[in-house]
Amino acid sequence: MKKITQIAFAFIVVLFLVSCKNTKQKIQEHVSTYNNSSSIKGSGITSTSAKAFLNDNKIEIRIETNLEENDTNKLTYKESFPDLLKEMIKNDQISKELIEEGVKFDVYFLAYNNAILAQQIVDKEELAVLENAGNSKDEKVTAKL
């Protein structure tokens, strides 16, 4: 009985070690999943793709559009970009789990000629800002002495 318990324990430990993924493996898996299944809907969006930079613990996401590079489009999409990022986080296109492990998401919103209309790096700090945006109320708090 003691021998069976030892063998079972050794098997469980080996299984546990094999099933654990490190951050680089998770990055590769996320990028592969993103490229195979992600779609972002919106005005003028033509395609999206992700690319892993394993040594930098970074994932670059490019959202390509058929929009022109002009000041109006830059201003419009710079203002609406945080909402798109929140939606991507909600849909796990930007992974909270990976961000908690120190991975940064560098997200680009590009015009038809690959000029940057909007760009944001989403890391732990920016994730907190995005998650709290819209949740705060414009209430004044007064201290009572």
Protein backbone atom coordinates (compact mmCIF):
# COMPACT_ATOMS: atom_id res chain seq x y z
CA MET A 1 0.00 0.00 0.00
CA LYS A 2 2.86 2.35 0.85
CA LYS A 3 4.48 1.68 -2.53
CA ILE A 4 1.22 2.48 -4.41
CA THR A 5 0.88 5.76 -2.50
CA GLN A 6 4.45 6.75 -3.39
CA ILE A 7 3.94 5.94 -7.07
CA ALA A 8 0.63 7.84 -7.16
CA PHE A 9 2.24 10.85 -5.46
CA ALA A 10 5.18 10.82 -7.89
CA PHE A 11 2.76 10.60 -10.83
CA ILE A 12 0.72 13.58 -9.52
CA VAL A 13 3.89 15.68 -9.04
CA VAL A 14 5.08 14.90 -12.57
CA LEU A 15 1.65 15.69 -13.99
CA PHE A 16 1.57 18.98 -12.10
CA LEU A 17 5.02 20.01 -13.37
CA VAL A 18 4.15 19.14 -16.96
CA SER A 19 0.87 21.04 -16.87
CA CYS A 20 2.35 24.29 -15.48
CA LYS A 21 3.01 26.89 -18.13
CA ASN A 22 5.48 29.68 -17.77
CA THR A 23 4.74 33.25 -18.85
CA LYS A 24 6.46 32.91 -22.23
CA GLN A 25 4.34 29.87 -23.08
CA LYS A 26 1.20 31.73 -22.01
CA ILE A 27 2.21 34.70 -24.21
CA GLN A 28 2.66 32.42 -27.22
CA GLU A 29 -0.65 30.71 -26.56
CA HIS A 30 -2.48 34.05 -26.19
CA VAL A 31 -1.01 35.42 -29.43
CA SER A 32 -1.89 32.24 -31.32
CA THR A 33 -5.45 32.29 -29.98
CA TYR A 34 -5.81 36.01 -30.74
CA ASN A 35 -4.61 35.63 -34.32
CA ASN A 36 -6.82 32.61 -34.98
CA SER A 37 -10.05 33.83 -33.46
CA SER A 38 -10.12 37.53 -32.61
CA SER A 39 -12.16 40.01 -34.49
CA ILE A 40 -12.77 43.60 -33.55
CA LYS A 41 -15.83 45.28 -34.89
CA GLY A 42 -15.89 48.97 -35.60
CA SER A 43 -16.05 51.66 -38.18
CA GLY A 44 -13.33 51.21 -40.77
CA ILE A 45 -11.52 48.31 -39.08
CA THR A 46 -10.12 45.94 -41.67
CA SER A 47 -7.98 43.53 -39.63
CA THR A 48 -6.20 42.90 -36.37
CA SER A 49 -3.17 40.86 -35.43
CA ALA A 50 -0.96 40.17 -32.43
CA LYS A 51 2.76 39.61 -32.23
CA ALA A 52 4.80 38.32 -29.26
CA PHE A 53 8.06 39.81 -28.03
CA LEU A 54 9.09 37.12 -25.56
CA ASN A 55 12.32 38.72 -24.34
CA ASP A 56 10.48 41.95 -23.50
CA ASN A 57 7.37 40.22 -22.03
CA LYS A 58 5.29 42.22 -24.47
CA ILE A 59 2.48 41.59 -26.91
CA GLU A 60 1.90 44.02 -29.74
CA ILE A 61 -1.64 44.28 -31.09
CA ARG A 62 -2.20 46.06 -34.41
CA ILE A 63 -5.69 47.17 -35.38
CA GLU A 64 -5.63 48.16 -39.03
CA THR A 65 -8.26 50.38 -40.63
CA ASN A 66 -9.13 51.94 -43.96
CA LEU A 67 -9.19 55.40 -42.35
CA GLU A 68 -7.15 58.36 -43.49
CA GLU A 69 -4.42 59.82 -41.37
CA ASN A 70 -5.71 63.28 -40.47
CA ASP A 71 -6.17 65.39 -37.34
CA THR A 72 -9.90 64.70 -37.11
CA ASN A 73 -9.41 60.91 -37.14
CA LYS A 74 -6.50 61.14 -34.69
CA LEU A 75 -8.57 63.17 -32.25
CA THR A 76 -11.67 61.01 -32.64
CA TYR A 77 -9.87 57.72 -32.11
CA LYS A 78 -7.58 59.02 -29.38
CA GLU A 79 -10.72 59.87 -27.39
CA SER A 80 -12.55 56.60 -28.14
CA PHE A 81 -9.51 54.34 -27.84
CA PRO A 82 -9.88 53.72 -24.06
CA ASP A 83 -13.40 52.36 -24.64
CA LEU A 84 -12.05 49.96 -27.28
CA LEU A 85 -9.32 48.84 -24.86
CA LYS A 86 -11.91 48.22 -22.11
CA GLU A 87 -13.92 46.10 -24.54
CA MET A 88 -10.79 44.14 -25.48
CA ILE A 89 -10.07 43.50 -21.79
CA LYS A 90 -13.67 42.42 -21.22
CA ASN A 91 -13.40 39.96 -24.16
CA ASP A 92 -9.98 38.69 -22.91
CA GLN A 93 -8.27 39.94 -26.06
CA ILE A 94 -6.05 41.77 -23.58
CA SER A 95 -5.42 39.25 -20.81
CA LYS A 96 -5.63 40.43 -17.21
CA GLU A 97 -3.83 37.26 -16.13
CA LEU A 98 -0.84 38.02 -18.35
CA ILE A 99 -0.78 41.65 -17.23
CA GLU A 100 -0.67 40.46 -13.61
CA GLU A 101 2.37 38.37 -14.60
CA GLY A 102 4.12 41.51 -15.89
CA VAL A 103 3.24 41.32 -19.59
CA LYS A 104 2.60 44.60 -21.38
CA PHE A 105 0.17 44.98 -24.28
CA ASP A 106 1.21 47.61 -26.83
CA VAL A 107 -1.95 48.36 -28.81
CA TYR A 108 -1.89 50.38 -32.05
CA PHE A 109 -4.86 51.75 -33.98
CA LEU A 110 -3.55 52.36 -37.50
CA ALA A 111 -4.66 54.32 -40.56
CA TYR A 112 -4.67 52.68 -43.99
CA ASN A 113 -1.02 53.76 -44.54
CA ASN A 114 0.07 52.29 -41.16
CA ALA A 115 0.29 55.72 -39.52
CA ILE A 116 -0.65 55.60 -35.85
CA LEU A 117 -4.03 57.13 -35.09
CA ALA A 118 -3.96 56.02 -31.43
CA GLN A 119 -1.57 53.95 -29.34
CA GLN A 120 -1.55 52.78 -25.74
CA ILE A 121 0.55 50.47 -23.60
CA VAL A 122 -1.63 48.48 -21.23
CA ASP A 123 0.24 47.31 -18.14
CA LYS A 124 -0.77 46.95 -14.49
CA GLU A 125 -1.07 50.70 -13.93
CA GLU A 126 -3.02 51.37 -17.13
CA LEU A 127 -5.27 48.39 -16.46
CA ALA A 128 -6.21 49.90 -13.11
CA VAL A 129 -6.94 53.26 -14.79
CA LEU A 130 -9.09 51.63 -17.49
CA GLU A 131 -11.01 49.52 -15.00
CA ASN A 132 -11.70 52.51 -12.74
CA ALA A 133 -12.60 54.94 -15.54
CA GLY A 134 -16.32 55.52 -15.54
CA ASN A 135 -16.68 53.89 -12.13
CA SER A 136 -15.75 57.00 -10.21
CA LYS A 137 -18.44 59.46 -9.43
CA ASP A 138 -17.93 63.19 -9.44
CA GLU A 139 -18.97 63.46 -5.84
CA LYS A 140 -17.19 65.83 -3.52
CA VAL A 141 -16.13 64.38 -0.23
CA THR A 142 -15.79 66.71 2.71
CA ALA A 143 -14.00 65.87 5.86
CA LYS A 144 -15.76 66.47 9.14
CA LEU A 145 -13.60 67.61 11.97
